[in-house]
Amino acid sequence: MMSDKRLDANDEIVLKPIGYLKSDLIYRYETPRQGILAGEDISVIELLPHQNFEQAVSQLDGFERIWVIYQFHLNNNWKPLVNPPRHTRKKVGVFASRAPYRPNQIGMSCVKLVKVDGLKIYISQSDILDGSPVLDIKPYLPYSDSFPEAETGWVKKNIDEKYEVVFSKEAEEQTTWLKEKANINLSNFARLQLEFYPKDDSRKRISSNEEDFTLAYRTWRIVYLVDDDKRTVTVRKIHSGYSSVELNSKDDKYNDKELHKKFITKFLSA
């Protein structure tokens, strides 16, 4: 028999975090559309001490993937209609999407489990922002969690709109250097941002001139060309987002000016 309890918008449910996530993904625009697109960069779930969670993670390390339930802690409002990052230019209902602007700030991501070390759970292929409160962890079970033939509504199954993202030799050297020196993965960020709608400045931090386009990533700039006929994006080079005046000022809000100076010395001081 169904409950006759009345629905009340003022009802509250109290959730307490079991831990917090540490990640290199700091800003919302850095996150991939889905965790599986994020690459192998490591994030860490740090469980809270003195909660008996050491026992709660027993035998978790036998699973290849886990579900992480977390809070979209940077969102303070919700939207009934949202713009999906791809597949359609039309707005869809938030319940028909995975957008973070939800009535309850709850997110879920299926991530790759790397290892469990005490109260630290190492994961990869994650789209979860740094500092996110973690609410729950569950194992991923292929026999019950995977339905590859299920209908996907408004989501297109074809990838006709996809662009191939390639890098010039100069851009490859620059992105490799930044990855090695500062663990900044610009190559993965560029691929994720530019393989769909590489000219869409309404959804991305893109500017353009008569010759090329520029995509902003924190204090770095990615310069690229778009060939619509061949459906390719060519990343030409990376450059600093600081002007010479800004670079030489004492203010260093992001603590990265020394890195920019070394980058310029290596690649622009010929």
Protein backbone atom coordinates (compact mmCIF):
# COMPACT_ATOMS: atom_id res chain seq x y z
CA MET A 1 0.00 0.00 0.00
CA MET A 2 1.36 3.39 -1.00
CA SER A 3 2.05 5.99 1.67
CA ASP A 4 -0.45 8.83 1.95
CA LYS A 5 2.18 11.28 3.23
CA ARG A 6 1.67 14.68 1.66
CA LEU A 7 4.43 16.17 -0.43
CA ASP A 8 5.91 19.25 1.19
CA ALA A 9 8.53 21.48 -0.46
CA ASN A 10 9.68 22.55 3.00
CA ASP A 11 10.71 19.05 4.05
CA GLU A 12 14.45 18.77 4.67
CA ILE A 13 16.93 15.92 4.60
CA VAL A 14 20.25 16.37 6.37
CA LEU A 15 23.30 14.85 4.67
CA LYS A 16 26.78 14.84 6.16
CA PRO A 17 29.93 14.49 4.02
CA ILE A 18 32.02 11.37 4.48
CA GLY A 19 35.04 13.16 3.04
CA TYR A 20 36.31 15.67 0.49
CA LEU A 21 37.93 15.41 -2.91
CA LYS A 22 41.36 16.75 -3.81
CA SER A 23 41.83 17.38 -7.53
CA ASP A 24 43.68 19.54 -10.05
CA LEU A 25 40.26 20.57 -11.41
CA ILE A 26 39.67 23.89 -9.67
CA TYR A 27 37.32 25.86 -11.91
CA ARG A 28 34.02 24.69 -13.38
CA TYR A 29 35.08 25.30 -16.98
CA GLU A 30 37.95 22.81 -16.54
CA THR A 31 35.73 19.80 -15.95
CA PRO A 32 35.07 17.36 -18.80
CA ARG A 33 31.50 16.53 -19.80
CA GLN A 34 31.88 13.07 -18.25
CA GLY A 35 34.55 11.57 -16.05
CA ILE A 36 35.60 8.97 -18.60
CA LEU A 37 36.86 11.81 -20.81
CA ALA A 38 39.10 13.21 -18.08
CA GLY A 39 42.18 11.09 -18.66
CA GLU A 40 44.38 9.40 -16.08
CA ASP A 41 45.19 12.36 -13.82
CA ILE A 42 44.85 11.28 -10.20
CA SER A 43 42.34 12.72 -7.71
CA VAL A 44 42.06 11.68 -4.07
CA ILE A 45 39.00 11.19 -1.89
CA GLU A 46 40.08 11.90 1.68
CA LEU A 47 37.63 10.27 4.08
CA LEU A 48 37.02 11.87 7.46
CA PRO A 49 38.83 10.35 10.46
CA HIS A 50 37.24 8.88 13.59
CA GLN A 51 34.15 7.66 11.72
CA ASN A 52 35.07 3.97 11.38
CA PHE A 53 35.49 4.49 7.63
CA GLU A 54 38.59 2.28 7.66
CA GLN A 55 36.21 -0.66 7.95
CA ALA A 56 33.71 0.86 5.51
CA VAL A 57 36.23 0.63 2.64
CA SER A 58 36.99 -3.05 3.29
CA GLN A 59 37.20 -4.97 -0.03
CA LEU A 60 36.48 -1.83 -2.06
CA ASP A 61 39.88 -2.19 -3.75
CA GLY A 62 38.62 -5.25 -5.65
CA PHE A 63 36.45 -3.10 -7.92
CA GLU A 64 37.73 -1.42 -11.08
CA ARG A 65 35.15 1.38 -10.98
CA ILE A 66 33.12 3.08 -8.27
CA TRP A 67 30.22 5.51 -8.12
CA VAL A 68 31.00 8.71 -6.22
CA ILE A 69 28.01 10.69 -4.94
CA TYR A 70 28.98 14.27 -4.12
CA GLN A 71 27.75 17.82 -3.72
CA PHE A 72 27.96 20.54 -6.38
CA HIS A 73 29.27 22.86 -3.68
CA LEU A 74 29.85 25.87 -5.96
CA ASN A 75 26.22 26.07 -7.14
CA ASN A 76 23.76 28.11 -5.10
CA ASN A 77 20.77 28.04 -7.45
CA TRP A 78 19.06 25.72 -9.87
CA LYS A 79 17.64 26.08 -13.38
CA PRO A 80 14.59 24.20 -14.72
CA LEU A 81 16.01 24.44 -18.27
CA VAL A 82 19.71 24.09 -19.12
CA ASN A 83 22.02 24.20 -22.14
CA PRO A 84 23.73 20.81 -22.57
CA PRO A 85 27.42 21.00 -23.60
CA ARG A 86 26.78 19.10 -26.85
CA HIS A 87 24.27 17.16 -28.97
CA THR A 88 21.68 19.94 -29.09
CA ARG A 89 21.47 23.72 -29.21
CA LYS A 90 18.06 23.69 -27.53
CA LYS A 91 17.54 23.85 -23.81
CA VAL A 92 16.35 20.70 -22.07
CA GLY A 93 14.87 20.04 -18.64
CA VAL A 94 17.47 19.74 -15.92
CA PHE A 95 16.08 16.31 -14.97
CA ALA A 96 16.77 15.19 -18.56
CA SER A 97 20.41 16.25 -18.25
CA ARG A 98 23.44 15.86 -16.02
CA ALA A 99 23.92 19.60 -15.57
CA PRO A 100 25.02 20.74 -12.09
CA TYR A 101 22.26 23.36 -11.71
CA ARG A 102 19.86 21.10 -9.81
CA PRO A 103 17.23 21.63 -7.07
CA ASN A 104 19.42 19.50 -4.81
CA GLN A 105 23.16 19.94 -5.36
CA ILE A 106 23.84 16.24 -5.85
CA GLY A 107 26.23 14.89 -8.47
CA MET A 108 27.27 11.37 -9.34
CA SER A 109 30.26 10.17 -11.29
CA CYS A 110 31.49 6.71 -12.26
CA VAL A 111 35.26 6.91 -11.79
CA LYS A 112 38.18 4.55 -12.14
CA LEU A 113 39.50 3.24 -8.82
CA VAL A 114 43.29 3.33 -8.68
CA LYS A 115 43.94 2.24 -5.10
CA VAL A 116 42.72 2.44 -1.52
CA ASP A 117 45.24 3.53 1.10
CA GLY A 118 43.66 3.80 4.53
CA LEU A 119 41.32 6.77 4.45
CA LYS A 120 42.57 7.89 1.03
CA ILE A 121 40.89 6.61 -2.12
CA TYR A 122 42.85 7.35 -5.31
CA ILE A 123 40.76 7.70 -8.48
CA SER A 124 41.16 8.75 -12.12
CA GLN A 125 38.80 9.59 -15.01
CA SER A 126 37.01 11.96 -12.65
CA ASP A 127 35.03 15.11 -13.48
CA ILE A 128 34.66 16.19 -9.84
CA LEU A 129 35.96 19.59 -8.73
CA ASP A 130 38.55 20.12 -6.01
CA GLY A 131 36.99 20.54 -2.58
CA SER A 132 33.73 18.77 -3.41
CA PRO A 133 32.08 17.17 -0.37
CA VAL A 134 31.71 13.41 -0.93
CA LEU A 135 28.39 11.99 0.29
CA ASP A 136 28.66 8.31 -0.57
CA ILE A 137 30.66 5.69 -2.47
CA LYS A 138 29.25 2.58 -4.15
CA PRO A 139 30.86 -0.12 -6.32
CA TYR A 140 30.09 -0.13 -10.05
CA LEU A 141 28.51 -3.44 -11.11
CA PRO A 142 28.46 -4.02 -14.89
CA TYR A 143 25.63 -6.56 -14.76
CA SER A 144 23.24 -4.10 -13.09
CA ASP A 145 24.64 -0.66 -13.94
CA SER A 146 25.18 -0.99 -17.71
CA PHE A 147 22.40 -0.86 -20.31
CA PRO A 148 24.18 -0.10 -23.62
CA GLU A 149 21.04 -0.56 -25.74
CA ALA A 150 18.90 1.83 -23.69
CA GLU A 151 17.27 4.76 -25.49
CA THR A 152 19.02 8.07 -24.86
CA GLY A 153 16.31 10.59 -25.69
CA TRP A 154 17.57 13.88 -27.09
CA VAL A 155 21.22 12.77 -26.97
CA LYS A 156 22.42 12.09 -30.50
CA LYS A 157 24.12 8.77 -31.08
CA ASN A 158 26.13 9.98 -34.04
CA ILE A 159 29.31 12.03 -33.81
CA ASP A 160 29.07 13.88 -37.12
CA GLU A 161 29.74 17.18 -35.38
CA LYS A 162 32.98 16.00 -33.80
CA TYR A 163 36.28 17.63 -34.79
CA GLU A 164 39.69 15.99 -34.70
CA VAL A 165 42.07 17.99 -32.50
CA VAL A 166 45.73 17.89 -33.57
CA PHE A 167 48.80 19.73 -32.30
CA SER A 168 51.66 21.45 -34.09
CA LYS A 169 55.18 20.43 -33.09
CA GLU A 170 55.56 23.68 -31.16
CA ALA A 171 52.30 23.14 -29.27
CA GLU A 172 53.26 19.54 -28.44
CA GLU A 173 56.57 20.68 -26.96
CA GLN A 174 54.89 23.43 -24.95
CA THR A 175 52.10 21.25 -23.54
CA THR A 176 54.59 18.50 -22.67
CA TRP A 177 56.79 21.01 -20.82
CA LEU A 178 53.84 22.38 -18.82
CA LYS A 179 52.70 18.88 -17.92
CA GLU A 180 56.17 17.90 -16.73
CA LYS A 181 56.97 21.13 -14.88
CA ALA A 182 53.60 22.00 -13.33
CA ASN A 183 51.23 19.08 -13.99
CA ILE A 184 49.10 21.31 -16.21
CA ASN A 185 47.39 19.08 -18.77
CA LEU A 186 46.60 21.56 -21.53
CA SER A 187 46.52 18.93 -24.28
CA ASN A 188 43.67 17.02 -22.64
CA PHE A 189 41.83 20.26 -21.84
CA ALA A 190 42.11 21.42 -25.45
CA ARG A 191 40.78 18.13 -26.80
CA LEU A 192 37.83 18.11 -24.42
CA GLN A 193 36.90 21.71 -25.14
CA LEU A 194 37.48 21.84 -28.89
CA GLU A 195 36.29 18.51 -30.30
CA PHE A 196 32.73 19.92 -30.34
CA TYR A 197 31.70 23.49 -31.25
CA PRO A 198 35.26 24.91 -31.35
CA LYS A 199 33.98 28.36 -32.37
CA ASP A 200 31.20 28.70 -29.82
CA ASP A 201 32.20 31.64 -27.63
CA SER A 202 28.79 31.64 -25.93
CA ARG A 203 29.66 28.44 -24.04
CA LYS A 204 33.44 28.58 -23.80
CA ARG A 205 36.20 31.07 -22.99
CA ILE A 206 36.97 31.68 -26.67
CA SER A 207 38.08 34.84 -28.46
CA SER A 208 38.95 35.24 -32.13
CA ASN A 209 40.52 37.48 -34.73
CA GLU A 210 40.83 37.28 -38.52
CA GLU A 211 43.52 34.59 -38.33
CA ASP A 212 42.78 32.22 -35.47
CA PHE A 213 40.95 31.47 -32.22
CA THR A 214 42.14 31.55 -28.62
CA LEU A 215 40.87 29.39 -25.78
CA ALA A 216 41.59 30.50 -22.21
CA TYR A 217 42.68 28.08 -19.50
CA ARG A 218 43.39 29.80 -16.18
CA THR A 219 46.27 32.18 -16.97
CA TRP A 220 47.24 30.34 -20.18
CA ARG A 221 46.03 30.79 -23.74
CA ILE A 222 45.65 28.09 -26.42
CA VAL A 223 45.84 29.39 -30.00
CA TYR A 224 44.25 27.26 -32.71
CA LEU A 225 42.87 27.11 -36.26
CA VAL A 226 39.59 25.52 -37.37
CA ASP A 227 39.05 23.76 -40.70
CA ASP A 228 35.32 23.12 -41.03
CA ASP A 229 35.67 21.23 -44.33
CA LYS A 230 38.11 18.69 -42.87
CA ARG A 231 36.55 18.96 -39.40
CA THR A 232 39.91 19.49 -37.76
CA VAL A 233 41.20 21.82 -35.06
CA THR A 234 44.94 22.53 -35.14
CA VAL A 235 46.44 23.83 -31.92
CA ARG A 236 49.23 26.14 -33.09
CA LYS A 237 50.84 27.26 -29.85
CA ILE A 238 50.45 28.11 -26.18
CA HIS A 239 51.21 31.52 -24.72
CA SER A 240 50.95 33.32 -21.40
CA GLY A 241 47.77 35.17 -20.56
CA TYR A 242 49.78 37.85 -18.75
CA SER A 243 50.86 41.05 -20.42
CA SER A 244 54.47 42.11 -19.85
CA VAL A 245 53.27 44.76 -17.38
CA GLU A 246 51.19 42.22 -15.45
CA LEU A 247 54.00 39.70 -15.44
CA ASN A 248 56.45 42.17 -13.94
CA SER A 249 54.13 43.51 -11.26
CA LYS A 250 54.49 42.28 -7.68
CA ASP A 251 50.92 41.01 -7.50
CA ASP A 252 50.83 37.23 -8.02
CA LYS A 253 47.26 36.17 -7.23
CA TYR A 254 47.64 32.66 -8.68
CA ASN A 255 51.27 32.09 -7.61
CA ASP A 256 52.27 31.15 -11.14
CA LYS A 257 54.22 34.09 -12.55
CA GLU A 258 57.57 32.39 -12.04
CA LEU A 259 56.33 29.48 -14.16
CA HIS A 260 55.22 31.88 -16.89
CA LYS A 261 58.62 33.58 -16.89
CA LYS A 262 60.39 30.22 -17.27
CA PHE A 263 58.00 29.26 -20.07
CA ILE A 264 58.67 32.51 -21.93
CA THR A 265 62.42 32.14 -21.48
CA LYS A 266 62.36 28.62 -22.90
CA PHE A 267 60.01 29.08 -25.83
CA LEU A 268 60.07 32.75 -26.77
CA SER A 269 63.63 33.85 -26.04
CA ALA A 270 65.39 32.59 -29.14
